Amino acid sequence: MVTTFGLVLGIGLAYGLNMGLMSAAAATKLGWPMVVSGVALLWTAGVLATLAPAVRASRISPAIATRNV
């Protein structure tokens, strides 16, 4: 959820910055294929980065995990 929220926020900010740069510096428009490939790459990296700790944590019983809380 955090990765998805960050990507949605990032897309909005990237397009806002791109529109500002297009009007101020005559830059080129950001293309949809670049945005889609960037979102797919970053979302996959975010999920894979959290997969190993989540699998490791799922192997611990709740009684042991909350013993020191």
PDB file of N, CA and C in Angstrom:
ATOM      1  N   MET A   1       0.817  -1.182   0.000  1.00  0.00           N
ATOM      2  CA  MET A   1       0.000   0.000   0.000  1.00  0.00           C
ATOM      3  C   MET A   1       0.869   1.259   0.000  1.00  0.00           C
ATOM      4  N   VAL A   2       1.964   1.204   0.756  1.00  0.00           N
ATOM      5  CA  VAL A   2       2.836   2.365   0.826  1.00  0.00           C
ATOM      6  C   VAL A   2       3.497   2.603  -0.529  1.00  0.00           C
ATOM      7  N   THR A   3       3.932   1.526  -1.165  1.00  0.00           N
ATOM      8  CA  THR A   3       4.563   1.651  -2.482  1.00  0.00           C
ATOM      9  C   THR A   3       3.584   2.220  -3.488  1.00  0.00           C
ATOM     10  N   THR A   4       2.364   1.714  -3.496  1.00  0.00           N
ATOM     11  CA  THR A   4       1.362   2.179  -4.441  1.00  0.00           C
ATOM     12  C   THR A   4       1.014   3.642  -4.194  1.00  0.00           C
ATOM     13  N   PHE A   5       0.852   4.039  -2.932  1.00  0.00           N
ATOM     14  CA  PHE A   5       0.556   5.438  -2.619  1.00  0.00           C
ATOM     15  C   PHE A   5       1.697   6.348  -3.058  1.00  0.00           C
ATOM     16  N   GLY A   6       2.923   5.920  -2.810  1.00  0.00           N
ATOM     17  CA  GLY A   6       4.077   6.707  -3.222  1.00  0.00           C
ATOM     18  C   GLY A   6       4.170   6.850  -4.730  1.00  0.00           C
ATOM     19  N   LEU A   7       3.849   5.787  -5.445  1.00  0.00           N
ATOM     20  CA  LEU A   7       3.885   5.855  -6.908  1.00  0.00           C
ATOM     21  C   LEU A   7       2.791   6.768  -7.459  1.00  0.00           C
ATOM     22  N   VAL A   8       1.609   6.706  -6.880  1.00  0.00           N
ATOM     23  CA  VAL A   8       0.520   7.585  -7.332  1.00  0.00           C
ATOM     24  C   VAL A   8       0.881   9.041  -7.065  1.00  0.00           C
ATOM     25  N   LEU A   9       1.406   9.315  -5.887  1.00  0.00           N
ATOM     26  CA  LEU A   9       1.834  10.665  -5.561  1.00  0.00           C
ATOM     27  C   LEU A   9       2.969  11.116  -6.486  1.00  0.00           C
ATOM     28  N   GLY A  10       3.907  10.222  -6.758  1.00  0.00           N
ATOM     29  CA  GLY A  10       5.027  10.544  -7.633  1.00  0.00           C
ATOM     30  C   GLY A  10       4.605  10.819  -9.066  1.00  0.00           C
ATOM     31  N   ILE A  11       3.615  10.079  -9.558  1.00  0.00           N
ATOM     32  CA  ILE A  11       3.120  10.313 -10.918  1.00  0.00           C
ATOM     33  C   ILE A  11       2.513  11.710 -11.013  1.00  0.00           C
ATOM     34  N   GLY A  12       1.708  12.059 -10.022  1.00  0.00           N
ATOM     35  CA  GLY A  12       1.093  13.382 -10.024  1.00  0.00           C
ATOM     36  C   GLY A  12       2.129  14.495  -9.977  1.00  0.00           C
ATOM     37  N   LEU A  13       3.121  14.340  -9.114  1.00  0.00           N
ATOM     38  CA  LEU A  13       4.163  15.356  -9.010  1.00  0.00           C
ATOM     39  C   LEU A  13       5.019  15.416 -10.273  1.00  0.00           C
ATOM     40  N   ALA A  14       5.308  14.260 -10.860  1.00  0.00           N
ATOM     41  CA  ALA A  14       6.114  14.249 -12.083  1.00  0.00           C
ATOM     42  C   ALA A  14       5.385  14.946 -13.222  1.00  0.00           C
ATOM     43  N   TYR A  15       4.094  14.702 -13.352  1.00  0.00           N
ATOM     44  CA  TYR A  15       3.351  15.367 -14.418  1.00  0.00           C
ATOM     45  C   TYR A  15       3.198  16.862 -14.154  1.00  0.00           C
ATOM     46  N   GLY A  16       3.011  17.236 -12.895  1.00  0.00           N
ATOM     47  CA  GLY A  16       2.934  18.661 -12.571  1.00  0.00           C
ATOM     48  C   GLY A  16       4.241  19.374 -12.863  1.00  0.00           C
ATOM     49  N   LEU A  17       5.357  18.770 -12.489  1.00  0.00           N
ATOM     50  CA  LEU A  17       6.665  19.346 -12.775  1.00  0.00           C
ATOM     51  C   LEU A  17       6.930  19.381 -14.271  1.00  0.00           C
ATOM     52  N   ASN A  18       6.520  18.339 -14.974  1.00  0.00           N
ATOM     53  CA  ASN A  18       6.711  18.302 -16.424  1.00  0.00           C
ATOM     54  C   ASN A  18       5.911  19.395 -17.116  1.00  0.00           C
ATOM     55  N   MET A  19       4.692  19.629 -16.676  1.00  0.00           N
ATOM     56  CA  MET A  19       3.889  20.696 -17.280  1.00  0.00           C
ATOM     57  C   MET A  19       4.525  22.061 -17.021  1.00  0.00           C
ATOM     58  N   GLY A  20       5.041  22.256 -15.809  1.00  0.00           N
ATOM     59  CA  GLY A  20       5.710  23.511 -15.499  1.00  0.00           C
ATOM     60  C   GLY A  20       6.972  23.714 -16.336  1.00  0.00           C
ATOM     61  N   LEU A  21       7.735  22.661 -16.505  1.00  0.00           N
ATOM     62  CA  LEU A  21       8.950  22.764 -17.318  1.00  0.00           C
ATOM     63  C   LEU A  21       8.631  22.959 -18.800  1.00  0.00           C
ATOM     64  N   MET A  22       7.541  22.342 -19.251  1.00  0.00           N
ATOM     65  CA  MET A  22       7.158  22.512 -20.660  1.00  0.00           C
ATOM     66  C   MET A  22       6.836  23.968 -20.957  1.00  0.00           C
ATOM     67  N   SER A  23       6.164  24.633 -20.019  1.00  0.00           N
ATOM     68  CA  SER A  23       5.795  26.020 -20.279  1.00  0.00           C
ATOM     69  C   SER A  23       6.962  26.984 -20.047  1.00  0.00           C
ATOM     70  N   ALA A  24       7.865  26.643 -19.128  1.00  0.00           N
ATOM     71  CA  ALA A  24       8.956  27.560 -18.793  1.00  0.00           C
ATOM     72  C   ALA A  24      10.181  27.386 -19.670  1.00  0.00           C
ATOM     73  N   ALA A  25      10.483  26.156 -20.063  1.00  0.00           N
ATOM     74  CA  ALA A  25      11.750  25.920 -20.750  1.00  0.00           C
ATOM     75  C   ALA A  25      11.590  25.211 -22.091  1.00  0.00           C
ATOM     76  N   ALA A  26      10.393  25.131 -22.598  1.00  0.00           N
ATOM     77  CA  ALA A  26      10.119  24.470 -23.879  1.00  0.00           C
ATOM     78  C   ALA A  26      10.669  23.043 -23.910  1.00  0.00           C
ATOM     79  N   ALA A  27      10.434  22.299 -22.821  1.00  0.00           N
ATOM     80  CA  ALA A  27      10.872  20.911 -22.740  1.00  0.00           C
ATOM     81  C   ALA A  27       9.852  20.006 -23.428  1.00  0.00           C
ATOM     82  N   THR A  28      10.225  18.752 -23.624  1.00  0.00           N
ATOM     83  CA  THR A  28       9.319  17.803 -24.269  1.00  0.00           C
ATOM     84  C   THR A  28       8.362  17.209 -23.236  1.00  0.00           C
ATOM     85  N   LYS A  29       7.211  16.751 -23.733  1.00  0.00           N
ATOM     86  CA  LYS A  29       6.185  16.183 -22.871  1.00  0.00           C
ATOM     87  C   LYS A  29       6.593  14.781 -22.432  1.00  0.00           C
ATOM     88  N   LEU A  30       6.286  14.453 -21.171  1.00  0.00           N
ATOM     89  CA  LEU A  30       6.560  13.134 -20.612  1.00  0.00           C
ATOM     90  C   LEU A  30       5.587  12.129 -21.216  1.00  0.00           C
ATOM     91  N   GLY A  31       6.101  11.062 -21.837  1.00  0.00           N
ATOM     92  CA  GLY A  31       5.257  10.082 -22.517  1.00  0.00           C
ATOM     93  C   GLY A  31       4.701   9.026 -21.582  1.00  0.00           C
ATOM     94  N   TRP A  32       3.520   8.523 -21.916  1.00  0.00           N
ATOM     95  CA  TRP A  32       2.870   7.494 -21.096  1.00  0.00           C
ATOM     96  C   TRP A  32       3.663   6.199 -21.027  1.00  0.00           C
ATOM     97  N   PRO A  33       4.297   5.742 -22.117  1.00  0.00           N
ATOM     98  CA  PRO A  33       5.070   4.489 -21.997  1.00  0.00           C
ATOM     99  C   PRO A  33       6.197   4.587 -20.968  1.00  0.00           C
ATOM    100  N   MET A  34       6.819   5.745 -20.873  1.00  0.00           N
ATOM    101  CA  MET A  34       7.879   5.940 -19.885  1.00  0.00           C
ATOM    102  C   MET A  34       7.311   5.897 -18.468  1.00  0.00           C
ATOM    103  N   VAL A  35       6.151   6.494 -18.271  1.00  0.00           N
ATOM    104  CA  VAL A  35       5.523   6.502 -16.944  1.00  0.00           C
ATOM    105  C   VAL A  35       5.098   5.092 -16.548  1.00  0.00           C
ATOM    106  N   VAL A  36       4.473   4.371 -17.453  1.00  0.00           N
ATOM    107  CA  VAL A  36       3.997   3.021 -17.151  1.00  0.00           C
ATOM    108  C   VAL A  36       5.168   2.088 -16.852  1.00  0.00           C
ATOM    109  N   SER A  37       6.231   2.169 -17.628  1.00  0.00           N
ATOM    110  CA  SER A  37       7.383   1.305 -17.372  1.00  0.00           C
ATOM    111  C   SER A  37       8.067   1.679 -16.063  1.00  0.00           C
ATOM    112  N   GLY A  38       8.136   2.955 -15.734  1.00  0.00           N
ATOM    113  CA  GLY A  38       8.715   3.373 -14.462  1.00  0.00           C
ATOM    114  C   GLY A  38       7.896   2.914 -13.277  1.00  0.00           C
ATOM    115  N   VAL A  39       6.581   3.030 -13.384  1.00  0.00           N
ATOM    116  CA  VAL A  39       5.696   2.582 -12.305  1.00  0.00           C
ATOM    117  C   VAL A  39       5.828   1.072 -12.111  1.00  0.00           C
ATOM    118  N   ALA A  40       5.836   0.320 -13.202  1.00  0.00           N
ATOM    119  CA  ALA A  40       5.958  -1.135 -13.105  1.00  0.00           C
ATOM    120  C   ALA A  40       7.286  -1.535 -12.468  1.00  0.00           C
ATOM    121  N   LEU A  41       8.357  -0.890 -12.873  1.00  0.00           N
ATOM    122  CA  LEU A  41       9.674  -1.206 -12.324  1.00  0.00           C
ATOM    123  C   LEU A  41       9.756  -0.859 -10.835  1.00  0.00           C
ATOM    124  N   LEU A  42       9.299   0.325 -10.453  1.00  0.00           N
ATOM    125  CA  LEU A  42       9.376   0.739  -9.056  1.00  0.00           C
ATOM    126  C   LEU A  42       8.425  -0.055  -8.165  1.00  0.00           C
ATOM    127  N   TRP A  43       7.243  -0.408  -8.660  1.00  0.00           N
ATOM    128  CA  TRP A  43       6.301  -1.192  -7.870  1.00  0.00           C
ATOM    129  C   TRP A  43       6.861  -2.597  -7.642  1.00  0.00           C
ATOM    130  N   THR A  44       7.432  -3.186  -8.681  1.00  0.00           N
ATOM    131  CA  THR A  44       8.034  -4.516  -8.552  1.00  0.00           C
ATOM    132  C   THR A  44       9.200  -4.487  -7.570  1.00  0.00           C
ATOM    133  N   ALA A  45      10.034  -3.468  -7.655  1.00  0.00           N
ATOM    134  CA  ALA A  45      11.161  -3.356  -6.727  1.00  0.00           C
ATOM    135  C   ALA A  45      10.678  -3.190  -5.288  1.00  0.00           C
ATOM    136  N   GLY A  46       9.625  -2.418  -5.080  1.00  0.00           N
ATOM    137  CA  GLY A  46       9.082  -2.233  -3.744  1.00  0.00           C
ATOM    138  C   GLY A  46       8.505  -3.508  -3.159  1.00  0.00           C
ATOM    139  N   VAL A  47       7.810  -4.269  -3.973  1.00  0.00           N
ATOM    140  CA  VAL A  47       7.225  -5.529  -3.505  1.00  0.00           C
ATOM    141  C   VAL A  47       8.321  -6.550  -3.220  1.00  0.00           C
ATOM    142  N   LEU A  48       9.295  -6.646  -4.102  1.00  0.00           N
ATOM    143  CA  LEU A  48      10.376  -7.611  -3.894  1.00  0.00           C
ATOM    144  C   LEU A  48      11.235  -7.257  -2.682  1.00  0.00           C
ATOM    145  N   ALA A  49      11.391  -5.975  -2.388  1.00  0.00           N
ATOM    146  CA  ALA A  49      12.185  -5.555  -1.229  1.00  0.00           C
ATOM    147  C   ALA A  49      11.517  -5.948   0.082  1.00  0.00           C
ATOM    148  N   THR A  50      10.212  -6.046   0.101  1.00  0.00           N
ATOM    149  CA  THR A  50       9.508  -6.399   1.333  1.00  0.00           C
ATOM    150  C   THR A  50       9.100  -7.865   1.400  1.00  0.00           C
ATOM    151  N   LEU A  51       9.318  -8.607   0.342  1.00  0.00           N
ATOM    152  CA  LEU A  51       8.874  -9.998   0.301  1.00  0.00           C
ATOM    153  C   LEU A  51       9.666 -10.878   1.266  1.00  0.00           C
ATOM    154  N   ALA A  52      10.977 -10.803   1.269  1.00  0.00           N
ATOM    155  CA  ALA A  52      11.797 -11.667   2.126  1.00  0.00           C
ATOM    156  C   ALA A  52      11.522 -11.413   3.614  1.00  0.00           C
ATOM    157  N   PRO A  53      11.498 -10.159   4.098  1.00  0.00           N
ATOM    158  CA  PRO A  53      11.169  -9.968   5.521  1.00  0.00           C
ATOM    159  C   PRO A  53       9.751 -10.419   5.877  1.00  0.00           C
ATOM    160  N   ALA A  54       8.817 -10.268   4.973  1.00  0.00           N
ATOM    161  CA  ALA A  54       7.440 -10.691   5.257  1.00  0.00           C
ATOM    162  C   ALA A  54       7.343 -12.208   5.357  1.00  0.00           C
ATOM    163  N   VAL A  55       8.042 -12.916   4.482  1.00  0.00           N
ATOM    164  CA  VAL A  55       8.028 -14.383   4.538  1.00  0.00           C
ATOM    165  C   VAL A  55       8.706 -14.859   5.814  1.00  0.00           C
ATOM    166  N   ARG A  56       9.816 -14.233   6.172  1.00  0.00           N
ATOM    167  CA  ARG A  56      10.524 -14.594   7.399  1.00  0.00           C
ATOM    168  C   ARG A  56       9.644 -14.333   8.623  1.00  0.00           C
ATOM    169  N   ALA A  57       8.944 -13.217   8.641  1.00  0.00           N
ATOM    170  CA  ALA A  57       8.081 -12.888   9.779  1.00  0.00           C
ATOM    171  C   ALA A  57       6.873 -13.805   9.858  1.00  0.00           C
ATOM    172  N   SER A  58       6.404 -14.301   8.735  1.00  0.00           N
ATOM    173  CA  SER A  58       5.227 -15.176   8.756  1.00  0.00           C
ATOM    174  C   SER A  58       5.548 -16.552   9.331  1.00  0.00           C
ATOM    175  N   ARG A  59       6.811 -16.894   9.423  1.00  0.00           N
ATOM    176  CA  ARG A  59       7.199 -18.199   9.971  1.00  0.00           C
ATOM    177  C   ARG A  59       7.278 -18.196  11.496  1.00  0.00           C
ATOM    178  N   ILE A  60       7.186 -17.030  12.122  1.00  0.00           N
ATOM    179  CA  ILE A  60       7.261 -16.926  13.580  1.00  0.00           C
ATOM    180  C   ILE A  60       5.837 -16.940  14.143  1.00  0.00           C
ATOM    181  N   SER A  61       5.629 -17.716  15.190  1.00  0.00           N
ATOM    182  CA  SER A  61       4.283 -17.786  15.777  1.00  0.00           C
ATOM    183  C   SER A  61       3.968 -16.453  16.476  1.00  0.00           C
ATOM    184  N   PRO A  62       2.707 -16.070  16.503  1.00  0.00           N
ATOM    185  CA  PRO A  62       2.313 -14.804  17.149  1.00  0.00           C
ATOM    186  C   PRO A  62       2.669 -14.753  18.630  1.00  0.00           C
ATOM    187  N   ALA A  63       2.633 -15.879  19.313  1.00  0.00           N
ATOM    188  CA  ALA A  63       2.956 -15.888  20.753  1.00  0.00           C
ATOM    189  C   ALA A  63       4.416 -15.523  20.975  1.00  0.00           C
ATOM    190  N   ILE A  64       5.303 -16.001  20.140  1.00  0.00           N
ATOM    191  CA  ILE A  64       6.728 -15.675  20.269  1.00  0.00           C
ATOM    192  C   ILE A  64       6.995 -14.259  19.804  1.00  0.00           C
ATOM    193  N   ALA A  65       6.325 -13.837  18.756  1.00  0.00           N
ATOM    194  CA  ALA A  65       6.566 -12.501  18.216  1.00  0.00           C
ATOM    195  C   ALA A  65       6.138 -11.400  19.179  1.00  0.00           C
ATOM    196  N   THR A  66       5.099 -11.641  19.970  1.00  0.00           N
ATOM    197  CA  THR A  66       4.593 -10.605  20.887  1.00  0.00           C
ATOM    198  C   THR A  66       5.048 -10.829  22.321  1.00  0.00           C
ATOM    199  N   ARG A  67       5.979 -11.712  22.546  1.00  0.00           N
ATOM    200  CA  ARG A  67       6.429 -11.999  23.908  1.00  0.00           C
ATOM    201  C   ARG A  67       7.090 -10.801  24.572  1.00  0.00           C
ATOM    202  N   ASN A  68       7.861 -10.027  23.847  1.00  0.00           N
ATOM    203  CA  ASN A  68       8.579  -8.900  24.436  1.00  0.00           C
ATOM    204  C   ASN A  68       7.835  -7.581  24.292  1.00  0.00           C
ATOM    205  N   VAL A  69       6.635  -7.585  23.813  1.00  0.00           N
ATOM    206  CA  VAL A  69       5.894  -6.339  23.598  1.00  0.00           C
ATOM    207  C   VAL A  69       5.221  -5.889  24.855  1.00  0.00           C
TER     208      VAL A  69
END
